[in-house]
Protein backbone atom coordinates (compact mmCIF):
# COMPACT_ATOMS: atom_id res chain seq x y z
CA GLY A 1 19.42 4.45 -0.22
CA LEU A 2 20.96 3.68 3.15
CA LEU A 3 19.96 1.36 5.98
CA ASP A 4 20.88 2.07 9.61
CA GLU A 5 19.75 0.71 12.94
CA SER A 6 19.73 4.16 14.57
CA ARG A 7 16.16 5.38 15.08
CA THR A 8 17.29 9.02 15.02
CA LEU A 9 18.48 8.67 11.41
CA GLN A 10 15.28 7.16 10.00
CA GLY A 11 13.77 9.35 7.28
CA ARG A 12 16.80 11.66 7.18
CA PHE A 13 19.40 12.20 4.46
CA VAL A 14 23.14 11.51 4.75
CA GLN A 15 25.21 13.26 2.07
CA GLY A 16 22.09 13.44 -0.09
CA TYR A 17 21.15 9.76 0.32
CA PRO A 18 17.94 8.83 2.20
CA VAL A 19 17.97 6.48 5.17
CA ALA A 20 15.21 4.18 3.92
CA GLY A 21 14.91 2.01 7.02
CA ARG A 22 16.67 -0.30 9.43
CA VAL A 23 18.93 -3.18 8.44
CA ARG A 24 16.53 -5.68 10.01
CA ASP A 25 13.76 -4.32 7.72
CA VAL A 26 15.74 -4.80 4.49
CA GLY A 27 13.08 -7.14 3.09
CA GLN A 28 10.28 -4.60 3.49
CA VAL A 29 12.49 -1.82 2.07
CA VAL A 30 13.26 -3.85 -1.08
CA GLU A 31 9.55 -4.58 -1.56
CA GLU A 32 8.65 -0.90 -1.06
CA TYR A 33 11.12 0.14 -3.77
CA ALA A 34 9.67 -2.56 -6.05
CA ILE A 35 6.18 -1.05 -5.67
CA HIS A 36 7.58 2.17 -7.15
CA GLY A 37 9.20 0.26 -10.01
CA VAL A 38 12.75 0.51 -8.64
CA LYS A 39 14.67 -2.77 -8.84
CA ILE A 40 17.42 -3.24 -6.28
CA HIS A 41 20.42 -4.67 -8.17
CA ARG A 42 22.84 -4.94 -5.28
CA LEU A 43 23.14 -4.78 -1.48
CA VAL A 44 26.42 -3.35 -0.20
CA LEU A 45 27.48 -3.89 3.41
CA ALA A 46 29.73 -1.15 4.79
CA THR A 47 31.35 -3.49 7.30
CA GLU A 48 32.19 -7.17 7.54
CA VAL A 49 29.31 -9.60 8.00
CA GLN A 50 30.93 -10.93 11.16
CA ALA A 51 30.74 -7.45 12.72
CA LEU A 52 26.94 -7.44 12.52
CA ASP A 53 24.53 -8.81 15.07
CA GLY A 54 23.50 -12.35 14.15
CA GLU A 55 19.87 -11.31 13.52
CA LEU A 56 20.90 -8.54 11.15
CA SER A 57 23.36 -10.65 9.14
CA GLU A 58 20.74 -13.41 8.82
CA ALA A 59 18.17 -10.87 7.55
CA LEU A 60 20.60 -9.57 4.91
CA VAL A 61 21.65 -13.02 3.72
CA ARG A 62 18.05 -14.30 3.71
CA VAL A 63 16.79 -11.40 1.56
CA ALA A 64 19.79 -11.55 -0.78
CA GLU A 65 19.26 -15.28 -1.38
CA SER A 66 15.45 -15.24 -1.63
CA LYS A 67 15.39 -12.31 -4.09
CA SER A 68 18.62 -13.24 -5.96
CA ILE A 69 20.27 -9.91 -5.11
CA PRO A 70 24.10 -9.91 -4.96
CA LEU A 71 25.45 -8.99 -1.52
CA ASP A 72 28.79 -7.19 -1.55
CA VAL A 73 31.03 -6.42 1.43
CA LEU A 74 32.57 -2.98 0.93
CA PRO A 75 35.94 -3.67 2.64
CA ASP A 76 36.45 -6.58 0.24
CA ARG A 77 35.68 -4.37 -2.73
CA LEU A 78 37.96 -1.44 -1.93
CA GLY A 79 40.72 -1.13 -4.46
CA LEU A 80 39.12 -3.59 -6.86
CA LYS A 81 37.75 -2.92 -10.35
CA ARG A 82 34.11 -1.88 -10.35
CA PRO A 83 31.96 -4.96 -11.11
CA ASP A 84 29.48 -5.19 -13.93
CA ARG A 85 25.80 -4.65 -13.36
CA ALA A 86 23.74 -7.41 -11.80
CA ASP A 87 21.92 -8.09 -15.08
CA GLY A 88 25.16 -9.09 -16.81
CA ARG A 89 25.65 -5.98 -18.91
CA ALA A 90 28.48 -3.53 -18.45
CA SER A 91 27.53 -0.49 -16.40
CA GLY A 92 26.08 2.27 -18.57
CA SER A 93 25.42 0.05 -21.58
CA GLU A 94 22.08 0.36 -23.33
CA PRO A 95 20.12 -2.26 -25.27
CA LEU A 96 20.57 -1.93 -29.02
CA ILE A 97 17.10 -0.92 -30.25
CA PRO A 98 16.46 0.23 -33.83
CA ASN A 99 15.54 3.88 -34.10
CA VAL A 100 12.19 4.85 -35.64
CA GLY A 101 12.53 7.78 -38.02
CA GLY A 102 10.51 9.32 -40.80
CA LEU A 103 8.29 12.34 -41.30
CA PHE A 104 5.43 10.99 -39.20
CA TRP A 105 7.53 10.47 -36.07
CA ALA A 106 9.24 13.85 -36.47
CA SER A 107 5.90 15.66 -36.86
CA LYS A 108 4.47 13.65 -33.96
CA ARG A 109 7.22 14.97 -31.68
CA ILE A 110 6.57 18.55 -32.81
CA PHE A 111 2.87 18.08 -32.06
CA ASP A 112 3.66 16.60 -28.62
CA VAL A 113 5.80 19.60 -27.63
CA ALA A 114 3.28 22.19 -28.82
CA ALA A 115 0.20 20.42 -27.43
CA SER A 116 1.77 19.64 -24.03
CA ALA A 117 2.91 23.27 -23.62
CA ILE A 118 -0.58 24.55 -24.46
CA LEU A 119 -2.34 22.02 -22.23
CA LEU A 120 -0.01 22.71 -19.31
CA THR A 121 -1.02 26.37 -19.53
CA LEU A 122 -4.74 25.70 -19.95
CA THR A 123 -4.97 23.03 -17.24
CA ALA A 124 -2.86 24.88 -14.67
CA PRO A 125 -5.96 26.10 -12.72
CA ILE A 126 -7.39 22.56 -12.75
CA ALA A 127 -4.08 21.14 -11.54
CA VAL A 128 -4.03 23.60 -8.63
CA VAL A 129 -7.58 22.62 -7.60
CA VAL A 130 -6.74 18.91 -7.88
CA LEU A 131 -3.55 19.43 -5.87
CA ILE A 132 -5.52 21.07 -3.05
CA LEU A 133 -8.18 18.33 -3.11
CA VAL A 134 -5.54 15.59 -2.99
CA LEU A 135 -3.74 17.38 -0.15
CA LEU A 136 -6.95 17.56 1.91
CA ASP A 137 -8.05 14.03 1.01
CA CYS A 138 -4.81 12.01 0.97
CA GLY A 139 -2.28 14.32 2.62
CA LEU A 140 1.38 14.60 1.73
CA PRO A 141 2.94 13.73 -0.62
CA VAL A 142 0.40 14.76 -3.26
CA MET A 143 2.29 12.92 -6.02
CA PHE A 144 2.67 9.19 -6.58
CA TRP A 145 5.64 8.07 -8.65
CA GLN A 146 6.87 4.88 -10.26
CA MET A 147 10.06 4.00 -12.09
CA ARG A 148 9.14 2.51 -15.48
CA VAL A 149 10.88 1.57 -18.72
CA GLY A 150 10.84 4.07 -21.57
CA ARG A 151 12.41 4.54 -25.00
CA LEU A 152 15.66 2.64 -25.65
CA GLY A 153 15.03 0.71 -22.42
CA ARG A 154 15.93 3.69 -20.25
CA ARG A 155 14.26 4.10 -16.87
CA ILE A 156 11.84 7.03 -16.58
CA THR A 157 9.87 8.32 -13.61
CA VAL A 158 6.11 8.51 -14.16
CA TYR A 159 4.17 10.88 -11.87
CA LYS A 160 0.47 10.96 -11.00
CA PHE A 161 -1.66 12.76 -8.46
CA ARG A 162 -2.26 10.45 -5.50
CA THR A 163 -5.61 8.66 -5.45
CA LEU A 164 -4.96 6.36 -2.48
CA ARG A 165 -4.92 7.29 1.18
CA ALA A 166 -2.08 6.04 3.38
CA PRO A 167 -2.33 2.35 4.40
CA TYR A 168 -2.16 3.33 8.08
CA MET A 169 -4.26 5.79 10.07
CA ARG A 170 -2.78 8.34 12.49
CA ASN A 171 -3.32 6.05 15.47
CA GLY A 172 -1.30 3.32 13.75
CA ASP A 173 -4.26 1.08 12.85
CA VAL A 174 -4.42 -0.46 9.39
CA ARG A 175 -6.80 1.42 7.13
CA PRO A 176 -9.40 -0.88 5.49
CA GLU A 177 -8.62 -1.40 1.81
CA GLN A 178 -12.07 -0.18 0.71
CA GLU A 179 -11.44 3.15 2.46
CA ARG A 180 -8.12 3.86 0.73
CA VAL A 181 -9.72 5.04 -2.52
CA SER A 182 -11.98 8.00 -1.80
CA ALA A 183 -14.73 9.45 -3.99
CA ILE A 184 -12.25 12.11 -5.12
CA GLY A 185 -9.68 9.43 -5.96
CA ARG A 186 -12.20 7.43 -8.00
CA LEU A 187 -13.22 10.58 -9.89
CA LEU A 188 -9.59 11.43 -10.71
CA ARG A 189 -8.98 7.89 -11.96
CA ARG A 190 -12.18 7.76 -13.96
CA THR A 191 -11.48 11.05 -15.75
CA HIS A 192 -7.70 10.40 -15.95
CA VAL A 193 -7.09 13.83 -14.41
CA ASP A 194 -4.63 12.13 -12.04
CA GLU A 195 -2.29 11.81 -15.04
CA LEU A 196 -1.97 15.57 -15.67
CA PRO A 197 1.63 15.64 -14.28
CA GLN A 198 2.66 13.42 -17.19
CA LEU A 199 2.35 16.43 -19.49
CA PHE A 200 5.73 17.51 -18.08
CA SER A 201 7.16 14.11 -19.11
CA ILE A 202 5.89 14.71 -22.66
CA LEU A 203 7.43 18.17 -22.76
CA ARG A 204 10.77 16.76 -21.55
CA GLY A 205 10.74 14.15 -24.29
CA GLU A 206 10.36 11.11 -22.03
CA MET A 207 6.79 10.34 -23.13
CA SER A 208 4.26 11.04 -25.87
CA PHE A 209 0.49 11.50 -25.89
CA ILE A 210 0.06 8.25 -27.84
CA GLY A 211 2.34 5.24 -27.61
CA PRO A 212 2.96 1.99 -25.75
CA ARG A 213 2.07 2.46 -22.09
CA PRO A 214 5.28 2.58 -19.97
CA LEU A 215 5.39 -0.63 -17.95
CA LEU A 216 7.05 -1.69 -14.73
CA PRO A 217 10.17 -3.81 -15.34
CA VAL A 218 8.41 -6.87 -13.87
CA ASP A 219 5.50 -6.45 -16.34
CA LEU A 220 7.64 -6.52 -19.48
CA SER A 221 7.19 -9.41 -21.89
CA ARG A 222 10.27 -11.41 -22.81
CA GLN A 223 9.67 -10.34 -26.42
CA ALA A 224 9.41 -6.65 -25.45
CA LYS A 225 11.97 -5.04 -27.74
CA LEU A 226 10.25 -3.21 -30.56
CA ARG A 227 8.26 -1.15 -28.03
CA PHE A 228 11.55 0.43 -26.87
CA ALA A 229 11.99 2.04 -30.31
CA VAL A 230 9.41 4.75 -29.55
CA ARG A 231 8.46 6.96 -26.64
CA PRO A 232 5.82 5.49 -24.30
CA GLY A 233 2.44 7.22 -24.24
CA ILE A 234 -0.29 8.30 -21.84
CA SER A 235 -2.73 6.30 -23.97
CA GLY A 236 -2.16 3.67 -26.61
CA TRP A 237 -3.61 0.93 -28.80
CA ALA A 238 -3.50 -1.60 -25.96
CA GLN A 239 -5.22 0.79 -23.52
CA VAL A 240 -8.22 1.46 -25.79
CA ASN A 241 -8.68 -2.19 -26.77
CA GLY A 242 -8.68 -3.95 -23.42
CA ALA A 243 -6.33 -2.16 -21.01
CA THR A 244 -6.06 -4.10 -17.73
CA SER A 245 -7.96 -7.11 -19.15
CA LEU A 246 -5.03 -7.86 -21.50
CA THR A 247 -2.23 -10.25 -20.63
CA ILE A 248 1.40 -9.10 -20.75
CA GLU A 249 1.89 -10.88 -24.08
CA GLU A 250 -1.29 -9.37 -25.54
CA LYS A 251 -0.25 -5.86 -24.47
CA ASN A 252 3.14 -6.31 -26.11
CA ALA A 253 1.55 -7.58 -29.34
CA MET A 254 -0.89 -4.64 -29.41
CA ASP A 255 1.93 -2.14 -28.81
CA GLU A 256 4.01 -3.69 -31.61
CA TRP A 257 1.00 -3.49 -33.94
CA TYR A 258 0.72 0.23 -33.17
CA ILE A 259 4.41 0.86 -33.91
CA ARG A 260 4.20 -0.96 -37.27
CA HIS A 261 0.97 0.81 -38.33
CA ALA A 262 1.44 4.21 -36.67
CA SER A 263 -0.13 7.08 -38.62
CA TRP A 264 -2.21 10.15 -37.93
CA GLY A 265 -5.32 8.09 -38.67
CA VAL A 266 -4.40 5.56 -35.98
CA GLU A 267 -3.52 8.39 -33.58
CA PHE A 268 -6.93 10.00 -34.12
CA ALA A 269 -8.71 6.65 -33.58
CA ILE A 270 -6.88 6.16 -30.26
CA VAL A 271 -7.79 9.68 -29.11
CA VAL A 272 -11.48 9.10 -29.91
CA LYS A 273 -11.49 5.73 -28.11
CA THR A 274 -9.70 7.29 -25.12
CA LEU A 275 -12.37 9.99 -24.80
CA LYS A 276 -15.10 7.35 -25.06
CA ALA A 277 -13.43 5.35 -22.28
CA ILE A 278 -14.08 8.22 -19.85
CA PHE A 279 -17.82 7.65 -20.15
CA ALA A 280 -17.98 3.89 -20.82
CA VAL A 281 -16.43 0.69 -19.50
CA MET A 282 -13.44 -0.41 -21.57
CA ARG A 283 -13.94 -3.90 -23.06
CA ARG A 284 -11.63 -6.31 -24.85
CA ASN A 285 -11.55 -5.87 -28.60
CA GLU A 286 -11.02 -9.51 -29.57
CA PRO A 287 -10.63 -8.93 -33.36
CA ALA A 288 -7.93 -6.29 -32.76
CA ILE A 289 -6.17 -8.50 -30.20
CA GLN A 290 -6.13 -11.54 -32.49
CA ALA A 291 -4.93 -9.43 -35.43
CA ALA A 292 -2.03 -8.11 -33.36
CA LEU A 293 -1.08 -11.59 -32.07
CA THR A 294 -1.23 -13.07 -35.58
CA GLU A 295 0.97 -10.31 -37.00
CA GLN A 296 3.44 -10.66 -34.13
CA ASN A 297 3.70 -14.43 -34.62
CA ALA A 298 4.22 -13.97 -38.36
CA SER A 299 6.96 -11.42 -37.72
CA MET A 300 8.72 -13.69 -35.19
CA SER A 301 8.48 -16.64 -37.59
CA LEU A 302 9.99 -14.59 -40.43
CA ALA A 303 12.82 -13.40 -38.16
CA ALA A 304 13.53 -16.98 -37.12
CA ARG A 305 13.66 -18.14 -40.75
CA CYS A 306 16.01 -15.30 -41.69
CA GLN A 307 18.30 -16.15 -38.78
CA SER A 308 18.26 -19.83 -39.72
CA SER A 309 19.09 -18.99 -43.36
CA GLY A 310 21.96 -16.79 -42.23
CA GLU A 311 23.38 -19.56 -40.06
CA MET A 312 23.13 -22.07 -42.93
CA ALA A 313 24.91 -19.66 -45.25
CA ALA A 314 27.66 -19.19 -42.69
CA ASP A 315 28.09 -22.98 -42.46
CA ARG A 316 28.45 -23.24 -46.22
CA HIS A 317 30.93 -20.37 -46.40
CA PRO A 318 33.01 -20.42 -43.21
C-alpha cells in the first residue's frame, strides 16, 4: 500500500497499489491492516527523511519505533542487495513443518472437495439472499476479510459475510457500538451462515471442513507448530469444546490433540457438536481441555529428553 499527502489520491490505485491514507496517518493505517490480520513488516520512504515536513517525519519515526517496524529510505537502498525479511528469515523461505500423510488425510481431502462443491451449489440461493440482506443492512463491501495463518505457515485470506455496520454514520458521527451488530448480523453469526464464503477456500485447498481454526498471527501460541501440518478448518476440536473461552495455549493444545487423534470418528463427533452449538451455548469441556494439555506437556517433555540425549551423545562422540 502507498501513503500520500494528496487528498485527491486517497482511495485510488497507483500502478495497482492502493493509496491507503496520508503519511501523517501512518499509525492508524498500520492498525487498520492489523485488524485484517496483515502485519506490516517494513516502511519504505520514497525520499530522504530530511525532505519531509517535520511533522510527517516525526510521525513515521514514532510509529516505526513504537511498533518495531524497520524504516527504510529508498534512495539509500537503490543498487543494494535486497534485505532479508523483518522476521529474520530469508525472503520466500517457509517454516519446516512435517507433512501429514496417510489414507485418512487423503480421503479427507477428497471428501472436502466433493462436499464443498455440492454445498456451494445447494447453498447458492441462500448465499444470494444473504448477500442482498447484508448489502441492505451493512452496505458495501458485503465481505469481511482477514489474513490468517494456514498450512505450512502460509498466509491465507479468510472471507465472511459482513455482520457489522460501519463504525461511522453518513453524517460522520460515531455509531454506538451496540448498534453495529444488527438482528440480521446476530442471526448470521448464530447460524454460522456468515462463513459460507469459506466453502471456496475449502475447494481451493486452503482450508478444510474440520481442522484447527485459522488464527491471526498475533493469536498464535509460541508452541504453534504441529497445527501447521494440516489445513485449518471451519470448525475444530477447540471450537466445539470451549471456542472463545479458551486461552491461546489451550486452543493450541486442543488443536494438537485433534491432529494426533484425527479419524472419521473424531470428525463425526466434531460435526455433531458443531450442529448442537447452533442451538445451545458453547461451554468449556474441562476434561477434554485437561487431557489435551496433559498430552501436549508429555509430548514436549519427551521431545526435550530426546534433544538432551542427542546433545549428550554428540558430546561423547565429537
